[in-house]
Amino acid sequence: MSEEKKSAAAALKEKLLVKKESGVRKLDEQEIGRADEFCKGYVRFLDHAKTEREAVSYSIQAAEAAGFTAYDRTRSYQPGDKVYVNNRGKALMLCVIGQEGTKNGVRLGIAHIDSPRLDLKPNPLYESSDLALFKTHYYGGIKKYQWTAVPLALHGVVVLKDGTVKDVYIGDDESEPCFVVTDLLPHLADEQMTQPMRKAFNGEHLNVLIGSRPFNTDEESESVKLNVMNLLFEKYGMTEADFMSADLTMVPAARARDVGFDRSMIGAYGHDDKVCAYPALMAAIDVKAPVQTVITVLTDREEIGSDGSTGMKSTYMADFIADLAQADGMELRHVMAKSTCLSADVNAAFDPTYASAFEANNSSYINCGAVITKYTGSGGKYSTSDASAEYMAKIRKLLDDTNVLWQTGELGKVDGGGGGTIAKFVANLNADVVDLGVPVLSMHAPFEVVSKVDVYETYRALYEFYAAK
């Protein structure tokens, strides 16, 4: 083939075909440095926001430091004003009033701040064979075996009968005790290891070891349990009955760490979906004088279907937008019909070790930037919103025009399983929405992995979406 024809083919290829080169190679050292610097803040967030309550508390502190104040529906707000709404300490909305108010819709960035974990049952404490243990009920989709034989920390709140609230954090600091779900030694596990994974690890066996010494030498029954309860009473003033009015959960005790010789990745518990929540939080803090009103929603309960007063099936977001609309002389339905949303949620990064679970041409990859997921669901696109071609084109143009590194991806092979996001609940309110977030390795494991570049580019995508004219 002549050089002239090669050049023509190369030019046509450049014009018509999607470029396959690795995304990070498109970035200069300054952009990579900005990604590394941005992720220092993200690591601090991860270590202080393992539960949704902690994420809300951390985010409010950051927002107030940036000038946000608690929303008062009786007040009048002007363009540029920054307010927040705290929903029961477990979900949060940050709003920057736009130059147009709500008359041409609002721009929504929505992420969830709950993650898979082991919740304590209402009556968790028991003693067996001179060991004290907690009974748990796992929260969200987990591989149960991954939660055995790893250090765990106890996080949450206990509300005493008189209404006193006690915050609980035990096990993260190396000077503190941690806890553990024990596993069966391989020498005695022949039967266990021949069973299907779903049967080999039973949810009722996820019991957390919390103590082994009796209260004293008295011959009382349950003296190990009594000793544990006495320690909890001394520290928190709680009795066994107070477990019934507690939100207590076991989370991995490990702190966020750099991964790889090149420190290009972050390993931690809770990337799904705090790896999108933190960029959304920072985009809300950093955006100045947006044209349309910007609302960032950090929501709860996505991992178990979004039901409940702090989940996206609740009306709390729509009620807030209705208040803003009323102040502008608008109605909610008219505002939502013009609104747009980035549902900031993760996707599964292609893992070469488990390549058979993915369809390589439609997967997202580490270090290739924020991933747009047009639809999620399972089987025949069941339980998904499926973004329209028109809205996809608008988001493509926005990201390209602002030089955000991005990619598209699908959640594994067709009929390989699947999962959903909160995008469909926003779509049900008659807004345009698409998922955009960070690709994750080992999703829902106690230690997930993401790329620093992808975290930063997701922040940039959300910021440019908020700031667009």
Protein backbone atom coordinates (compact mmCIF):
# COMPACT_ATOMS: atom_id res chain seq x y z
CA MET A 1 0.00 0.00 0.00
CA SER A 2 1.36 3.43 -0.95
CA GLU A 3 2.17 6.14 1.62
CA GLU A 4 -0.59 8.28 0.10
CA LYS A 5 -3.22 5.60 0.68
CA LYS A 6 -1.90 4.93 4.21
CA SER A 7 -2.22 8.59 5.01
CA ALA A 8 -5.77 8.69 3.66
CA ALA A 9 -6.71 5.64 5.73
CA ALA A 10 -5.09 7.13 8.80
CA ALA A 11 -6.96 10.39 8.32
CA LEU A 12 -10.27 8.58 7.89
CA LYS A 13 -9.56 6.43 10.93
CA GLU A 14 -8.85 9.57 12.93
CA LYS A 15 -12.17 11.04 11.81
CA LEU A 16 -14.46 8.03 12.17
CA LEU A 17 -13.16 5.54 14.75
CA VAL A 18 -12.99 5.65 18.54
CA LYS A 19 -9.39 5.98 19.72
CA LYS A 20 -8.30 2.99 21.79
CA GLU A 21 -5.17 4.37 23.46
CA SER A 22 -5.00 4.31 27.24
CA GLY A 23 -6.63 7.37 28.74
CA VAL A 24 -3.91 8.31 31.23
CA ARG A 25 -1.41 8.70 28.38
CA LYS A 26 -3.41 11.70 27.21
CA LEU A 27 -2.65 13.58 30.44
CA ASP A 28 0.42 15.68 31.16
CA GLU A 29 2.35 15.53 34.42
CA GLN A 30 0.58 18.61 35.78
CA GLU A 31 -2.85 16.99 35.39
CA ILE A 32 -1.66 13.79 37.03
CA GLY A 33 -0.16 15.86 39.85
CA ARG A 34 -3.49 17.61 40.35
CA ALA A 35 -5.18 14.21 40.56
CA ASP A 36 -2.74 13.01 43.22
CA GLU A 37 -3.22 16.20 45.24
CA PHE A 38 -7.03 16.03 44.99
CA CYS A 39 -7.00 12.46 46.26
CA LYS A 40 -5.23 13.43 49.49
CA GLY A 41 -8.47 15.05 50.52
CA TYR A 42 -10.41 12.03 49.35
CA VAL A 43 -8.30 9.72 51.53
CA ARG A 44 -9.07 11.87 54.58
CA PHE A 45 -12.77 11.69 53.70
CA LEU A 46 -12.62 7.90 53.42
CA ASP A 47 -11.00 7.51 56.83
CA HIS A 48 -13.55 9.76 58.52
CA ALA A 49 -16.72 8.74 56.65
CA LYS A 50 -17.09 4.97 56.80
CA THR A 51 -20.82 5.21 57.50
CA GLU A 52 -23.49 7.48 56.06
CA ARG A 53 -23.79 9.36 59.36
CA GLU A 54 -20.08 10.08 59.38
CA ALA A 55 -20.17 11.14 55.71
CA VAL A 56 -22.96 13.62 56.44
CA SER A 57 -21.13 15.05 59.46
CA TYR A 58 -17.85 15.41 57.53
CA SER A 59 -19.60 16.99 54.55
CA ILE A 60 -21.48 19.53 56.66
CA GLN A 61 -18.24 20.62 58.30
CA ALA A 62 -16.62 21.07 54.88
CA ALA A 63 -19.66 22.86 53.50
CA GLU A 64 -19.98 25.25 56.44
CA ALA A 65 -16.29 26.10 56.14
CA ALA A 66 -17.04 27.04 52.51
CA GLY A 67 -19.95 29.33 53.45
CA PHE A 68 -22.97 27.00 53.29
CA THR A 69 -25.71 27.57 55.88
CA ALA A 70 -28.69 25.48 56.94
CA TYR A 71 -31.68 26.04 54.64
CA ASP A 72 -34.60 28.04 56.00
CA ARG A 73 -37.67 27.85 53.76
CA THR A 74 -39.01 31.09 55.25
CA ARG A 75 -36.01 33.05 53.99
CA SER A 76 -35.46 34.55 50.54
CA TYR A 77 -32.29 33.50 48.75
CA GLN A 78 -30.31 35.22 46.02
CA PRO A 79 -28.07 33.86 43.22
CA GLY A 80 -24.82 32.60 44.68
CA ASP A 81 -26.30 31.77 48.10
CA LYS A 82 -25.24 28.38 49.43
CA VAL A 83 -27.48 26.25 51.66
CA TYR A 84 -27.72 22.67 52.88
CA VAL A 85 -30.45 20.36 54.15
CA ASN A 86 -29.57 17.63 56.66
CA ASN A 87 -32.04 14.73 56.45
CA ARG A 88 -31.95 12.89 59.79
CA GLY A 89 -28.16 12.87 59.89
CA LYS A 90 -28.05 10.19 57.17
CA ALA A 91 -28.58 12.11 53.91
CA LEU A 92 -27.56 15.59 52.83
CA MET A 93 -28.39 18.12 50.11
CA LEU A 94 -26.09 20.99 49.16
CA CYS A 95 -27.56 23.76 47.02
CA VAL A 96 -26.02 26.74 45.25
CA ILE A 97 -28.71 29.14 44.02
CA GLY A 98 -28.29 29.83 40.31
CA GLN A 99 -28.67 33.06 38.37
CA GLU A 100 -31.86 31.67 36.81
CA GLY A 101 -33.12 30.12 40.02
CA THR A 102 -35.28 27.13 39.09
CA LYS A 103 -37.16 28.56 36.10
CA ASN A 104 -35.15 26.53 33.58
CA GLY A 105 -34.74 23.48 35.79
CA VAL A 106 -31.96 22.54 38.21
CA ARG A 107 -28.75 20.58 37.79
CA LEU A 108 -28.53 17.56 40.04
CA GLY A 109 -25.50 15.55 41.09
CA ILE A 110 -26.51 12.56 43.17
CA ALA A 111 -24.30 10.01 44.93
CA HIS A 112 -24.92 7.59 47.76
CA ILE A 113 -22.94 7.44 50.99
CA ASP A 114 -23.95 4.02 52.32
CA SER A 115 -21.76 0.97 51.68
CA PRO A 116 -22.06 -2.79 52.29
CA ARG A 117 -21.36 -3.72 55.90
CA LEU A 118 -22.43 -5.89 58.85
CA ASP A 119 -25.20 -4.29 60.93
CA LEU A 120 -25.74 -5.41 64.50
CA LYS A 121 -29.10 -7.05 65.15
CA PRO A 122 -31.49 -5.37 67.66
CA ASN A 123 -30.51 -8.00 70.27
CA PRO A 124 -26.94 -8.74 69.17
CA LEU A 125 -25.01 -9.70 72.30
CA TYR A 126 -24.71 -13.34 73.35
CA GLU A 127 -22.30 -15.76 74.96
CA SER A 128 -21.37 -19.26 73.80
CA SER A 129 -18.57 -21.54 75.00
CA ASP A 130 -17.13 -18.71 77.11
CA LEU A 131 -16.89 -16.36 74.14
CA ALA A 132 -18.91 -13.16 73.71
CA LEU A 133 -20.19 -12.41 70.22
CA PHE A 134 -22.42 -10.03 68.28
CA LYS A 135 -25.10 -11.31 65.92
CA THR A 136 -25.19 -9.34 62.66
CA HIS A 137 -27.40 -8.87 59.62
CA TYR A 138 -25.40 -8.02 56.53
CA TYR A 139 -26.35 -4.85 54.66
CA GLY A 140 -26.14 -4.76 50.87
CA GLY A 141 -24.68 -7.22 48.41
CA ILE A 142 -21.59 -8.90 49.81
CA LYS A 143 -19.56 -12.05 49.29
CA LYS A 144 -19.87 -13.32 52.84
CA TYR A 145 -16.53 -15.13 52.88
CA GLN A 146 -14.70 -11.82 52.31
CA TRP A 147 -15.86 -10.59 55.73
CA THR A 148 -14.30 -13.41 57.74
CA ALA A 149 -10.85 -13.21 59.35
CA VAL A 150 -10.40 -9.47 58.70
CA PRO A 151 -10.11 -6.78 61.41
CA LEU A 152 -13.40 -4.97 61.97
CA ALA A 153 -14.31 -1.72 63.73
CA LEU A 154 -17.58 -0.81 65.44
CA HIS A 155 -19.16 2.45 64.25
CA GLY A 156 -22.52 4.09 64.83
CA VAL A 157 -24.72 5.70 67.45
CA VAL A 158 -26.57 4.54 70.54
CA VAL A 159 -29.59 6.57 71.65
CA LEU A 160 -30.30 5.98 75.34
CA LYS A 161 -33.85 5.85 76.63
CA ASP A 162 -33.61 9.46 77.86
CA GLY A 163 -32.67 10.62 74.34
CA THR A 164 -28.92 10.99 74.98
CA VAL A 165 -26.95 10.21 71.82
CA LYS A 166 -23.64 8.40 72.14
CA ASP A 167 -21.31 8.19 69.15
CA VAL A 168 -19.42 4.92 68.88
CA TYR A 169 -16.05 4.48 67.15
CA ILE A 170 -13.93 1.54 68.26
CA GLY A 171 -11.31 -0.35 66.29
CA ASP A 172 -9.85 1.99 63.67
CA ASP A 173 -6.91 3.21 65.73
CA GLU A 174 -4.12 0.69 66.27
CA SER A 175 -4.19 1.49 69.99
CA GLU A 176 -7.81 0.29 70.18
CA PRO A 177 -9.14 -3.27 70.12
CA CYS A 178 -10.65 -4.53 66.89
CA PHE A 179 -13.16 -7.31 66.24
CA VAL A 180 -13.39 -10.26 63.86
CA VAL A 181 -15.67 -12.84 62.27
CA THR A 182 -13.86 -16.15 62.68
CA ASP A 183 -13.48 -18.71 59.91
CA LEU A 184 -13.01 -22.48 59.88
CA LEU A 185 -9.45 -23.74 59.59
CA PRO A 186 -8.66 -25.48 56.25
CA HIS A 187 -7.70 -28.68 58.08
CA LEU A 188 -11.35 -29.16 59.07
CA ALA A 189 -13.02 -27.47 56.13
CA ASP A 190 -13.30 -30.30 53.60
CA GLU A 191 -17.10 -30.24 53.71
CA GLN A 192 -17.26 -26.45 53.68
CA MET A 193 -14.95 -26.14 50.67
CA THR A 194 -16.96 -28.59 48.58
CA GLN A 195 -20.19 -26.60 49.01
CA PRO A 196 -21.36 -23.86 46.65
CA MET A 197 -20.18 -20.46 47.85
CA ARG A 198 -23.70 -19.32 48.76
CA LYS A 199 -24.14 -22.29 51.10
CA ALA A 200 -20.60 -22.50 52.49
CA PHE A 201 -20.93 -19.05 54.09
CA ASN A 202 -24.23 -18.52 55.86
CA GLY A 203 -25.44 -15.08 56.91
CA GLU A 204 -26.25 -16.37 60.40
CA HIS A 205 -22.60 -17.39 60.77
CA LEU A 206 -21.33 -13.81 60.42
CA ASN A 207 -20.99 -13.54 64.19
CA VAL A 208 -18.41 -11.07 65.48
CA LEU A 209 -16.02 -12.11 68.24
CA ILE A 210 -15.91 -9.34 70.88
CA GLY A 211 -14.59 -10.83 74.15
CA SER A 212 -13.44 -13.89 76.09
CA ARG A 213 -12.82 -12.94 79.74
CA PRO A 214 -15.45 -13.31 82.51
CA PHE A 215 -16.52 -10.40 84.69
CA ASN A 216 -14.83 -11.94 87.75
CA THR A 217 -14.44 -15.30 89.42
CA ASP A 218 -18.12 -15.56 90.40
CA GLU A 219 -19.84 -18.65 89.09
CA GLU A 220 -22.53 -16.63 87.33
CA SER A 221 -23.71 -17.70 83.87
CA GLU A 222 -22.95 -15.43 80.90
CA SER A 223 -20.12 -13.77 82.82
CA VAL A 224 -18.16 -13.05 79.61
CA LYS A 225 -21.21 -11.32 78.14
CA LEU A 226 -21.61 -9.45 81.42
CA ASN A 227 -18.01 -8.27 81.29
CA VAL A 228 -18.46 -6.89 77.77
CA MET A 229 -21.70 -5.17 78.77
CA ASN A 230 -20.04 -3.66 81.82
CA LEU A 231 -17.26 -2.21 79.63
CA LEU A 232 -19.87 -0.70 77.30
CA PHE A 233 -21.73 0.74 80.29
CA GLU A 234 -18.57 2.33 81.65
CA LYS A 235 -17.72 3.90 78.26
CA TYR A 236 -21.16 4.81 76.92
CA GLY A 237 -23.60 4.48 79.81
CA MET A 238 -25.59 1.89 77.89
CA THR A 239 -27.37 -1.26 79.01
CA GLU A 240 -28.26 -4.27 76.88
CA ALA A 241 -31.73 -2.83 76.21
CA ASP A 242 -30.14 0.20 74.54
CA PHE A 243 -29.07 -1.93 71.57
CA MET A 244 -32.71 -1.71 70.50
CA SER A 245 -32.33 2.03 69.88
CA ALA A 246 -28.93 1.93 68.21
CA ASP A 247 -27.55 2.11 64.69
CA LEU A 248 -24.37 0.08 65.08
CA THR A 249 -22.39 -1.51 62.31
CA MET A 250 -19.18 -3.43 61.75
CA VAL A 251 -16.92 -1.98 59.06
CA PRO A 252 -13.38 -2.92 58.00
CA ALA A 253 -10.82 -1.42 60.37
CA ALA A 254 -8.24 -0.79 57.63
CA ARG A 255 -7.45 2.78 56.61
CA ALA A 256 -7.22 3.97 53.01
CA ARG A 257 -3.83 3.20 51.43
CA ASP A 258 -1.95 3.94 48.25
CA VAL A 259 -1.80 0.86 46.03
CA GLY A 260 0.99 -0.03 43.62
CA PHE A 261 4.69 0.80 43.43
CA ASP A 262 3.70 3.93 41.53
CA ARG A 263 1.06 4.94 44.12
CA SER A 264 -1.40 5.41 41.26
CA MET A 265 -4.35 3.77 43.01
CA ILE A 266 -6.18 3.92 46.34
CA GLY A 267 -7.32 0.86 48.24
CA ALA A 268 -10.01 1.29 50.88
CA TYR A 269 -13.37 0.24 52.23
CA GLY A 270 -16.37 2.16 50.89
CA HIS A 271 -15.27 3.42 47.47
CA ASP A 272 -18.78 2.43 46.35
CA ASP A 273 -20.04 5.10 46.42
CA LYS A 274 -17.96 7.55 48.45
CA VAL A 275 -15.56 7.73 45.51
CA CYS A 276 -18.33 9.64 43.71
CA ALA A 277 -19.76 11.36 46.79
CA TYR A 278 -16.51 13.18 47.57
CA PRO A 279 -16.07 14.57 44.02
CA ALA A 280 -19.74 15.66 44.09
CA LEU A 281 -19.22 17.35 47.47
CA MET A 282 -16.11 19.18 46.26
CA ALA A 283 -17.77 20.21 42.98
CA ALA A 284 -20.64 21.72 45.00
CA ILE A 285 -18.19 23.59 47.21
CA ASP A 286 -16.07 24.85 44.30
CA VAL A 287 -18.75 25.98 41.83
CA LYS A 288 -19.33 29.73 41.79
CA ALA A 289 -22.38 31.63 40.48
CA PRO A 290 -23.91 28.82 38.37
CA VAL A 291 -26.51 29.71 35.75
CA GLN A 292 -28.98 27.07 36.91
CA THR A 293 -29.44 26.20 40.57
CA VAL A 294 -27.14 23.32 41.49
CA ILE A 295 -28.17 20.62 43.96
CA THR A 296 -25.84 17.89 45.21
CA VAL A 297 -27.59 15.01 46.95
CA LEU A 298 -25.64 12.61 49.15
CA THR A 299 -28.23 9.94 49.80
CA ASP A 300 -28.58 6.80 51.90
CA ARG A 301 -29.82 3.22 51.48
CA GLU A 302 -28.92 2.75 47.82
CA GLU A 303 -27.29 -0.58 48.60
CA ILE A 304 -30.61 -2.02 49.81
CA GLY A 305 -33.00 -0.56 47.26
CA SER A 306 -33.25 3.13 48.26
CA ASP A 307 -36.33 2.59 50.42
CA GLY A 308 -36.93 4.60 53.59
CA SER A 309 -37.00 8.26 54.54
CA THR A 310 -33.32 8.85 53.72
CA GLY A 311 -33.27 6.89 50.44
CA MET A 312 -34.00 8.14 46.94
CA LYS A 313 -37.50 6.65 46.94
CA SER A 314 -38.33 9.17 49.66
CA THR A 315 -39.78 12.54 48.68
CA TYR A 316 -37.17 14.60 50.53
CA MET A 317 -35.33 15.79 47.40
CA ALA A 318 -38.52 16.55 45.48
CA ASP A 319 -39.93 18.39 48.51
CA PHE A 320 -36.84 20.60 48.70
CA ILE A 321 -36.96 21.39 44.98
CA ALA A 322 -40.68 22.13 45.34
CA ASP A 323 -39.86 24.72 48.03
CA LEU A 324 -37.26 26.34 45.76
CA ALA A 325 -39.71 26.27 42.85
CA GLN A 326 -42.48 27.86 44.91
CA ALA A 327 -40.16 30.71 45.88
CA ASP A 328 -39.62 31.33 42.14
CA GLY A 329 -43.32 31.13 41.34
CA MET A 330 -42.84 27.75 39.67
CA GLU A 331 -44.32 24.30 40.14
CA LEU A 332 -42.26 21.20 40.82
CA ARG A 333 -43.37 19.32 37.71
CA HIS A 334 -42.33 22.17 35.43
CA VAL A 335 -38.93 22.44 37.12
CA MET A 336 -38.23 18.70 36.95
CA ALA A 337 -39.17 18.49 33.28
CA LYS A 338 -36.32 20.90 32.50
CA SER A 339 -33.83 19.44 34.99
CA THR A 340 -30.74 17.40 34.25
CA CYS A 341 -28.81 15.01 36.46
CA LEU A 342 -25.53 13.15 36.71
CA SER A 343 -26.15 10.13 38.89
CA ALA A 344 -22.67 9.78 40.34
CA ASP A 345 -22.20 6.07 40.83
CA VAL A 346 -19.44 3.56 40.19
CA ASN A 347 -19.04 0.91 37.54
CA ALA A 348 -17.06 -2.32 37.53
CA ALA A 349 -13.54 -1.83 36.18
CA PHE A 350 -12.33 -4.49 33.75
CA ASP A 351 -10.27 -7.02 35.70
CA PRO A 352 -7.95 -9.15 33.53
CA THR A 353 -7.90 -11.87 36.19
CA TYR A 354 -11.65 -12.33 35.72
CA ALA A 355 -11.89 -11.30 32.08
CA SER A 356 -14.59 -13.85 31.30
CA ALA A 357 -17.10 -11.83 33.38
CA PHE A 358 -16.71 -8.80 31.09
CA GLU A 359 -17.31 -7.87 27.48
CA ALA A 360 -14.06 -6.08 26.76
CA ASN A 361 -15.35 -3.70 24.11
CA ASN A 362 -18.01 -2.32 26.46
CA SER A 363 -16.16 -2.24 29.76
CA SER A 364 -14.64 0.60 31.75
CA TYR A 365 -10.95 0.57 32.58
CA ILE A 366 -8.75 1.85 35.38
CA ASN A 367 -6.92 5.10 34.46
CA CYS A 368 -9.22 5.92 31.54
CA GLY A 369 -11.22 8.60 33.37
CA ALA A 370 -14.80 9.01 34.51
CA VAL A 371 -17.10 6.34 33.11
CA ILE A 372 -20.51 7.14 31.64
CA THR A 373 -22.92 4.24 32.06
CA LYS A 374 -25.87 4.71 29.73
CA TYR A 375 -27.87 2.02 31.47
CA THR A 376 -27.43 -0.53 34.25
CA GLY A 377 -30.00 -3.10 35.33
CA SER A 378 -29.90 -6.81 34.64
CA GLY A 379 -31.11 -9.22 32.00
CA GLY A 380 -33.08 -7.32 29.38
CA LYS A 381 -32.19 -3.91 30.83
CA TYR A 382 -34.54 -4.61 33.72
CA SER A 383 -34.74 -1.90 36.43
CA THR A 384 -32.81 0.88 34.67
CA SER A 385 -33.60 4.29 33.21
CA ASP A 386 -31.43 4.09 30.02
CA ALA A 387 -30.33 7.65 29.17
CA SER A 388 -31.64 9.07 25.89
CA ALA A 389 -29.41 9.59 22.87
CA GLU A 390 -30.09 13.33 23.03
CA TYR A 391 -28.91 13.60 26.63
CA MET A 392 -25.88 11.39 25.98
CA ALA A 393 -24.88 13.76 23.16
CA LYS A 394 -25.10 16.78 25.47
CA ILE A 395 -22.92 15.15 28.12
CA ARG A 396 -20.39 13.94 25.51
CA LYS A 397 -20.07 17.46 24.15
CA LEU A 398 -19.71 19.00 27.60
CA LEU A 399 -16.92 16.60 28.61
CA ASP A 400 -15.07 16.91 25.31
CA ASP A 401 -15.33 20.70 25.26
CA THR A 402 -13.85 20.91 28.77
CA ASN A 403 -11.14 18.26 28.15
CA VAL A 404 -12.41 15.88 30.83
CA LEU A 405 -10.99 12.39 30.46
CA TRP A 406 -13.93 10.00 30.13
CA GLN A 407 -15.02 6.62 28.80
CA THR A 408 -18.14 4.50 28.56
CA GLY A 409 -18.80 1.16 30.17
CA GLU A 410 -21.37 -1.52 30.84
CA LEU A 411 -21.73 -3.54 34.04
CA GLY A 412 -20.28 -6.84 32.84
CA LYS A 413 -21.62 -9.30 30.30
CA VAL A 414 -25.27 -9.50 29.34
CA ASP A 415 -26.92 -12.14 31.58
CA GLY A 416 -23.80 -12.19 33.76
CA GLY A 417 -25.64 -10.67 36.72
CA GLY A 418 -26.17 -6.93 36.96
CA GLY A 419 -27.15 -4.19 39.34
CA GLY A 420 -28.94 -0.87 39.53
CA THR A 421 -28.32 2.71 40.59
CA ILE A 422 -30.42 5.62 41.81
CA ALA A 423 -30.61 7.12 38.30
CA LYS A 424 -34.00 5.54 37.69
CA PHE A 425 -35.57 7.32 40.67
CA VAL A 426 -34.52 10.69 39.28
CA ALA A 427 -35.76 9.68 35.82
CA ASN A 428 -39.10 8.81 37.38
CA LEU A 429 -39.41 12.49 38.33
CA ASN A 430 -39.21 13.35 34.62
CA ALA A 431 -35.62 14.60 34.54
CA ASP A 432 -32.83 13.66 32.11
CA VAL A 433 -30.23 11.53 33.87
CA VAL A 434 -27.22 9.35 33.18
CA ASP A 435 -24.75 7.57 35.45
CA LEU A 436 -21.23 8.97 35.63
CA GLY A 437 -18.60 7.82 38.10
CA VAL A 438 -15.43 5.92 38.85
CA PRO A 439 -14.52 2.38 37.72
CA VAL A 440 -13.79 0.13 40.73
CA LEU A 441 -11.85 -3.11 41.16
CA SER A 442 -13.10 -5.59 43.80
CA MET A 443 -16.40 -3.71 44.19
CA HIS A 444 -18.28 -4.45 47.44
CA ALA A 445 -15.24 -6.16 48.97
CA PRO A 446 -13.87 -4.90 52.30
CA PHE A 447 -10.94 -3.41 50.34
CA GLU A 448 -11.80 -1.90 46.95
CA VAL A 449 -9.39 -0.26 44.48
CA VAL A 450 -9.71 2.86 42.30
CA SER A 451 -7.41 5.03 40.21
CA LYS A 452 -6.50 8.51 41.45
CA VAL A 453 -6.82 9.87 37.92
CA ASP A 454 -10.35 8.51 37.61
CA VAL A 455 -11.39 10.08 40.93
CA TYR A 456 -10.12 13.49 39.85
CA GLU A 457 -11.64 13.32 36.38
CA THR A 458 -14.99 12.46 37.96
CA TYR A 459 -14.69 15.59 40.09
CA ARG A 460 -13.89 17.60 36.96
CA ALA A 461 -16.89 16.14 35.13
CA LEU A 462 -19.26 17.07 37.96
CA TYR A 463 -17.77 20.53 38.34
CA GLU A 464 -18.02 21.30 34.61
CA PHE A 465 -21.61 20.02 34.61
CA TYR A 466 -22.48 22.39 37.45
CA ALA A 467 -20.60 25.33 35.97
CA ALA A 468 -21.77 24.97 32.35
CA LYS A 469 -23.52 27.99 30.83
